[in-house]
């Protein structure tokens, strides 16, 4: 899970067009220390995770959520749980593709500017 959180932080930072230096400055730590967070080397405290989420304009849950929420069978009609699950998975995939698309667009702009 630590690696997934680190990867979400990295992708969110890139989507915001922030450098590791920007993040390190905001967190009042060295770039090397921030890099270790993104690589999953350093364990992140809850306080630090809240700081990072704030800088990235995310909820802490956005960084921590890696699993599909459990839907109680008694609260949905038969089959609705499966549809909710499929919808949730589709939304997660679209969000992931949006981040990847944003990153590719930035890479293309970088290559064009060279």
N, C-alpha and C. Protein backbone atom coordinates (compact mmCIF):
# COMPACT_ATOMS: atom_id res chain seq x y z
N UNK A 1 0.82 -1.19 0.00
CA UNK A 1 0.00 0.00 0.00
C UNK A 1 0.87 1.26 0.00
N UNK A 2 2.01 1.21 0.68
CA UNK A 2 2.90 2.37 0.75
C UNK A 2 3.33 2.79 -0.65
N UNK A 3 3.64 1.83 -1.52
CA UNK A 3 4.06 2.13 -2.88
C UNK A 3 2.93 2.79 -3.66
N UNK A 4 1.68 2.32 -3.46
CA UNK A 4 0.55 2.90 -4.18
C UNK A 4 0.30 4.33 -3.75
N UNK A 5 0.43 4.61 -2.46
CA UNK A 5 0.26 5.98 -1.96
C UNK A 5 1.36 6.86 -2.54
N UNK A 6 2.58 6.38 -2.53
CA UNK A 6 3.71 7.14 -3.08
C UNK A 6 3.48 7.44 -4.56
N UNK A 7 3.00 6.47 -5.31
CA UNK A 7 2.74 6.65 -6.73
C UNK A 7 1.60 7.65 -6.95
N UNK A 8 0.56 7.59 -6.13
CA UNK A 8 -0.53 8.55 -6.25
C UNK A 8 -0.03 9.97 -5.97
N UNK A 9 0.83 10.11 -5.00
CA UNK A 9 1.40 11.43 -4.69
C UNK A 9 2.20 11.93 -5.88
N UNK A 10 3.02 11.08 -6.45
CA UNK A 10 3.85 11.47 -7.60
C UNK A 10 2.98 11.89 -8.78
N UNK A 11 1.97 11.09 -9.11
CA UNK A 11 1.10 11.40 -10.24
C UNK A 11 0.31 12.68 -10.01
N UNK A 12 -0.17 12.87 -8.79
CA UNK A 12 -0.92 14.09 -8.47
C UNK A 12 -0.01 15.32 -8.57
N UNK A 13 1.23 15.18 -8.12
CA UNK A 13 2.19 16.29 -8.21
C UNK A 13 2.44 16.66 -9.66
N UNK A 14 2.66 15.64 -10.49
CA UNK A 14 2.91 15.90 -11.90
C UNK A 14 1.69 16.50 -12.59
N UNK A 15 0.50 16.04 -12.22
CA UNK A 15 -0.73 16.57 -12.80
C UNK A 15 -0.90 18.05 -12.44
N UNK A 16 -0.39 18.45 -11.29
CA UNK A 16 -0.45 19.85 -10.85
C UNK A 16 0.71 20.66 -11.40
N UNK A 17 1.58 20.01 -12.15
CA UNK A 17 2.75 20.66 -12.73
C UNK A 17 3.68 21.23 -11.66
N UNK A 18 3.84 20.49 -10.57
CA UNK A 18 4.74 20.89 -9.50
C UNK A 18 6.00 20.03 -9.55
N UNK A 19 7.12 20.62 -9.22
CA UNK A 19 8.37 19.86 -9.17
C UNK A 19 8.55 19.28 -7.77
N UNK A 20 9.49 18.37 -7.65
CA UNK A 20 9.83 17.86 -6.32
C UNK A 20 10.36 19.00 -5.47
N UNK A 21 11.07 19.94 -6.08
CA UNK A 21 11.58 21.10 -5.34
C UNK A 21 10.43 21.92 -4.78
N UNK A 22 9.37 22.14 -5.59
CA UNK A 22 8.19 22.87 -5.11
C UNK A 22 7.61 22.20 -3.87
N UNK A 23 7.46 20.88 -3.97
CA UNK A 23 6.86 20.12 -2.86
C UNK A 23 7.75 20.19 -1.62
N UNK A 24 9.04 20.00 -1.83
CA UNK A 24 9.98 20.03 -0.71
C UNK A 24 9.94 21.40 -0.02
N UNK A 25 9.90 22.46 -0.81
CA UNK A 25 9.84 23.80 -0.24
C UNK A 25 8.57 24.00 0.58
N UNK A 26 7.45 23.56 0.04
CA UNK A 26 6.17 23.69 0.76
C UNK A 26 6.16 22.89 2.06
N UNK A 27 6.83 21.74 2.04
CA UNK A 27 6.86 20.87 3.22
C UNK A 27 8.01 21.22 4.17
N UNK A 28 8.87 22.14 3.73
CA UNK A 28 10.03 22.54 4.52
C UNK A 28 10.98 21.36 4.80
N UNK A 29 11.22 20.58 3.73
CA UNK A 29 12.15 19.45 3.80
C UNK A 29 13.07 19.52 2.58
N UNK A 30 14.09 18.68 2.56
CA UNK A 30 15.00 18.66 1.41
C UNK A 30 14.35 17.93 0.23
N UNK A 31 14.86 18.19 -0.95
CA UNK A 31 14.37 17.49 -2.14
C UNK A 31 14.62 15.99 -2.00
N UNK A 32 15.76 15.63 -1.44
CA UNK A 32 16.08 14.21 -1.25
C UNK A 32 15.06 13.55 -0.33
N UNK A 33 14.68 14.24 0.74
CA UNK A 33 13.68 13.70 1.67
C UNK A 33 12.33 13.54 0.97
N UNK A 34 11.97 14.53 0.15
CA UNK A 34 10.70 14.43 -0.58
C UNK A 34 10.76 13.30 -1.60
N UNK A 35 11.87 13.18 -2.29
CA UNK A 35 12.05 12.12 -3.28
C UNK A 35 11.86 10.75 -2.63
N UNK A 36 12.36 10.60 -1.43
CA UNK A 36 12.20 9.33 -0.71
C UNK A 36 10.73 9.04 -0.40
N UNK A 37 9.94 10.09 -0.18
CA UNK A 37 8.51 9.90 0.04
C UNK A 37 7.88 9.35 -1.23
N UNK A 38 8.17 9.97 -2.36
CA UNK A 38 7.58 9.55 -3.63
C UNK A 38 8.04 8.17 -4.08
N UNK A 39 9.22 7.77 -3.67
CA UNK A 39 9.72 6.45 -4.04
C UNK A 39 9.28 5.37 -3.06
N UNK A 40 8.56 5.78 -2.02
CA UNK A 40 8.04 4.81 -1.04
C UNK A 40 9.10 4.33 -0.07
N UNK A 41 10.21 5.05 0.02
CA UNK A 41 11.29 4.66 0.92
C UNK A 41 10.99 5.12 2.35
N UNK A 42 10.46 6.34 2.44
CA UNK A 42 10.16 6.93 3.75
C UNK A 42 8.72 6.66 4.13
N UNK A 43 8.50 6.22 5.37
CA UNK A 43 7.14 6.10 5.89
C UNK A 43 6.59 7.51 6.10
N UNK A 44 5.36 7.74 5.68
CA UNK A 44 4.76 9.07 5.78
C UNK A 44 3.88 9.13 7.02
N UNK A 45 4.11 10.14 7.85
CA UNK A 45 3.25 10.33 9.02
C UNK A 45 1.89 10.86 8.56
N UNK A 46 0.90 10.72 9.39
CA UNK A 46 -0.44 11.22 9.06
C UNK A 46 -0.38 12.74 8.86
N UNK A 47 0.36 13.41 9.72
CA UNK A 47 0.50 14.86 9.60
C UNK A 47 1.10 15.24 8.25
N UNK A 48 2.15 14.56 7.86
CA UNK A 48 2.80 14.85 6.57
C UNK A 48 1.86 14.52 5.41
N UNK A 49 1.10 13.44 5.53
CA UNK A 49 0.16 13.08 4.48
C UNK A 49 -0.91 14.15 4.32
N UNK A 50 -1.39 14.72 5.42
CA UNK A 50 -2.35 15.82 5.36
C UNK A 50 -1.73 17.04 4.69
N UNK A 51 -0.47 17.32 4.99
CA UNK A 51 0.22 18.46 4.37
C UNK A 51 0.31 18.25 2.85
N UNK A 52 0.71 17.06 2.46
CA UNK A 52 0.85 16.74 1.03
C UNK A 52 -0.49 16.84 0.33
N UNK A 53 -1.53 16.27 0.93
CA UNK A 53 -2.87 16.34 0.35
C UNK A 53 -3.31 17.79 0.19
N UNK A 54 -3.00 18.62 1.17
CA UNK A 54 -3.37 20.03 1.10
C UNK A 54 -2.68 20.74 -0.05
N UNK A 55 -1.39 20.50 -0.20
CA UNK A 55 -0.62 21.12 -1.28
C UNK A 55 -1.17 20.69 -2.64
N UNK A 56 -1.53 19.41 -2.75
CA UNK A 56 -2.03 18.86 -4.00
C UNK A 56 -3.53 19.09 -4.20
N UNK A 57 -4.15 19.77 -3.22
CA UNK A 57 -5.58 20.07 -3.25
C UNK A 57 -6.41 18.80 -3.40
N UNK A 58 -6.07 17.82 -2.58
CA UNK A 58 -6.78 16.54 -2.55
C UNK A 58 -7.25 16.28 -1.13
N UNK A 59 -8.18 15.36 -1.01
CA UNK A 59 -8.54 14.84 0.30
C UNK A 59 -7.56 13.73 0.62
N UNK A 60 -7.26 13.54 1.88
CA UNK A 60 -6.32 12.49 2.27
C UNK A 60 -6.83 11.12 1.79
N UNK A 61 -8.15 10.97 1.76
CA UNK A 61 -8.75 9.71 1.31
C UNK A 61 -8.38 9.41 -0.15
N UNK A 62 -8.22 10.47 -0.95
CA UNK A 62 -7.84 10.28 -2.36
C UNK A 62 -6.48 9.59 -2.47
N UNK A 63 -5.61 9.87 -1.52
CA UNK A 63 -4.27 9.27 -1.54
C UNK A 63 -4.26 7.88 -0.93
N UNK A 64 -5.17 7.64 0.01
CA UNK A 64 -5.16 6.37 0.73
C UNK A 64 -6.05 5.30 0.13
N UNK A 65 -7.09 5.70 -0.57
CA UNK A 65 -8.06 4.74 -1.07
C UNK A 65 -7.47 3.92 -2.20
N UNK A 66 -7.37 2.64 -1.97
CA UNK A 66 -6.89 1.74 -3.02
C UNK A 66 -7.86 0.58 -3.24
N UNK A 67 -8.82 0.50 -2.37
CA UNK A 67 -9.77 -0.61 -2.48
C UNK A 67 -11.17 -0.08 -2.73
N UNK A 68 -12.00 -0.93 -3.27
CA UNK A 68 -13.37 -0.58 -3.53
C UNK A 68 -14.16 -0.67 -2.23
N UNK A 69 -14.97 0.35 -1.92
CA UNK A 69 -15.73 0.30 -0.67
C UNK A 69 -16.72 -0.85 -0.68
N UNK A 70 -16.92 -1.43 0.49
CA UNK A 70 -17.86 -2.54 0.63
C UNK A 70 -19.27 -1.98 0.71
N UNK A 71 -20.18 -2.53 -0.09
CA UNK A 71 -21.57 -2.12 -0.07
C UNK A 71 -22.36 -3.20 0.63
N UNK A 72 -23.08 -2.83 1.68
CA UNK A 72 -23.88 -3.79 2.42
C UNK A 72 -24.99 -4.34 1.54
N UNK A 73 -25.16 -5.64 1.51
CA UNK A 73 -26.19 -6.27 0.69
C UNK A 73 -27.58 -5.79 1.07
N UNK A 74 -27.81 -5.53 2.36
CA UNK A 74 -29.14 -5.13 2.81
C UNK A 74 -29.51 -3.73 2.32
N UNK A 75 -28.53 -2.93 1.89
CA UNK A 75 -28.83 -1.56 1.47
C UNK A 75 -29.05 -1.43 -0.03
N UNK A 76 -28.84 -2.51 -0.78
CA UNK A 76 -29.05 -2.44 -2.22
C UNK A 76 -29.89 -3.61 -2.68
N UNK A 77 -30.57 -3.41 -3.80
CA UNK A 77 -31.34 -4.51 -4.37
C UNK A 77 -30.39 -5.49 -5.03
N UNK A 78 -30.87 -6.70 -5.30
CA UNK A 78 -30.05 -7.71 -5.97
C UNK A 78 -29.46 -7.16 -7.26
N UNK A 79 -28.19 -7.33 -7.47
CA UNK A 79 -27.52 -6.90 -8.68
C UNK A 79 -26.99 -5.47 -8.61
N UNK A 80 -27.54 -4.63 -7.75
CA UNK A 80 -27.10 -3.24 -7.67
C UNK A 80 -25.67 -3.14 -7.17
N UNK A 81 -25.29 -4.07 -6.28
CA UNK A 81 -23.94 -4.04 -5.74
C UNK A 81 -22.92 -4.25 -6.85
N UNK A 82 -23.20 -5.18 -7.76
CA UNK A 82 -22.29 -5.44 -8.87
C UNK A 82 -22.20 -4.23 -9.80
N UNK A 83 -23.31 -3.57 -10.05
CA UNK A 83 -23.31 -2.39 -10.90
C UNK A 83 -22.52 -1.27 -10.24
N UNK A 84 -22.71 -1.08 -8.94
CA UNK A 84 -21.97 -0.06 -8.20
C UNK A 84 -20.47 -0.34 -8.27
N UNK A 85 -20.13 -1.61 -8.13
CA UNK A 85 -18.72 -2.02 -8.20
C UNK A 85 -18.15 -1.71 -9.58
N UNK A 86 -18.87 -2.06 -10.63
CA UNK A 86 -18.40 -1.81 -11.98
C UNK A 86 -18.27 -0.32 -12.26
N UNK A 87 -19.23 0.46 -11.77
CA UNK A 87 -19.18 1.91 -11.96
C UNK A 87 -17.98 2.50 -11.23
N UNK A 88 -17.76 2.05 -10.02
CA UNK A 88 -16.61 2.54 -9.26
C UNK A 88 -15.30 2.22 -9.99
N UNK A 89 -15.18 1.00 -10.49
CA UNK A 89 -13.97 0.61 -11.21
C UNK A 89 -13.79 1.46 -12.47
N UNK A 90 -14.88 1.75 -13.17
CA UNK A 90 -14.81 2.57 -14.37
C UNK A 90 -14.35 3.99 -14.04
N UNK A 91 -14.88 4.56 -12.97
CA UNK A 91 -14.48 5.91 -12.55
C UNK A 91 -13.00 5.93 -12.19
N UNK A 92 -12.53 4.92 -11.46
CA UNK A 92 -11.11 4.84 -11.10
C UNK A 92 -10.24 4.78 -12.35
N UNK A 93 -10.66 4.01 -13.33
CA UNK A 93 -9.89 3.86 -14.57
C UNK A 93 -9.85 5.18 -15.34
N UNK A 94 -10.99 5.87 -15.41
CA UNK A 94 -11.05 7.15 -16.11
C UNK A 94 -10.13 8.17 -15.43
N UNK A 95 -10.16 8.22 -14.10
CA UNK A 95 -9.29 9.14 -13.38
C UNK A 95 -7.82 8.82 -13.63
N UNK A 96 -7.49 7.55 -13.62
CA UNK A 96 -6.11 7.13 -13.89
C UNK A 96 -5.69 7.51 -15.31
N UNK A 97 -6.57 7.30 -16.27
CA UNK A 97 -6.27 7.65 -17.66
C UNK A 97 -6.12 9.16 -17.83
N UNK A 98 -6.90 9.94 -17.11
CA UNK A 98 -6.80 11.41 -17.17
C UNK A 98 -5.42 11.85 -16.69
N UNK A 99 -4.96 11.29 -15.59
CA UNK A 99 -3.64 11.65 -15.07
C UNK A 99 -2.56 11.27 -16.07
N UNK A 100 -2.66 10.06 -16.64
CA UNK A 100 -1.67 9.62 -17.61
C UNK A 100 -1.70 10.49 -18.87
N UNK A 101 -2.90 10.88 -19.31
CA UNK A 101 -3.03 11.74 -20.48
C UNK A 101 -2.38 13.10 -20.22
N UNK A 102 -2.64 13.66 -19.05
CA UNK A 102 -2.03 14.95 -18.68
C UNK A 102 -0.51 14.85 -18.70
N UNK A 103 0.02 13.75 -18.17
CA UNK A 103 1.47 13.57 -18.15
C UNK A 103 2.03 13.45 -19.57
N UNK A 104 1.35 12.70 -20.42
CA UNK A 104 1.81 12.55 -21.81
C UNK A 104 1.77 13.88 -22.55
N UNK A 105 0.73 14.68 -22.31
CA UNK A 105 0.66 16.00 -22.95
C UNK A 105 1.83 16.87 -22.52
N UNK A 106 2.19 16.82 -21.26
CA UNK A 106 3.32 17.61 -20.77
C UNK A 106 4.63 17.12 -21.38
N UNK A 107 4.78 15.81 -21.52
CA UNK A 107 5.99 15.27 -22.13
C UNK A 107 6.09 15.68 -23.60
N UNK A 108 4.94 15.69 -24.30
CA UNK A 108 4.92 16.09 -25.71
C UNK A 108 5.32 17.56 -25.83
N UNK A 109 4.78 18.40 -24.97
CA UNK A 109 5.14 19.82 -24.99
C UNK A 109 6.62 20.02 -24.71
N UNK A 110 7.15 19.23 -23.77
CA UNK A 110 8.57 19.32 -23.47
C UNK A 110 9.41 18.94 -24.68
N UNK A 111 9.03 17.85 -25.35
CA UNK A 111 9.76 17.40 -26.52
C UNK A 111 9.68 18.41 -27.67
N UNK A 112 8.52 19.02 -27.82
CA UNK A 112 8.35 20.02 -28.90
C UNK A 112 9.19 21.25 -28.65
N UNK A 113 9.39 21.59 -27.37
CA UNK A 113 10.14 22.80 -27.04
C UNK A 113 11.64 22.62 -27.20
N UNK A 114 12.10 21.38 -27.38
CA UNK A 114 13.55 21.13 -27.50
C UNK A 114 14.03 21.33 -28.91
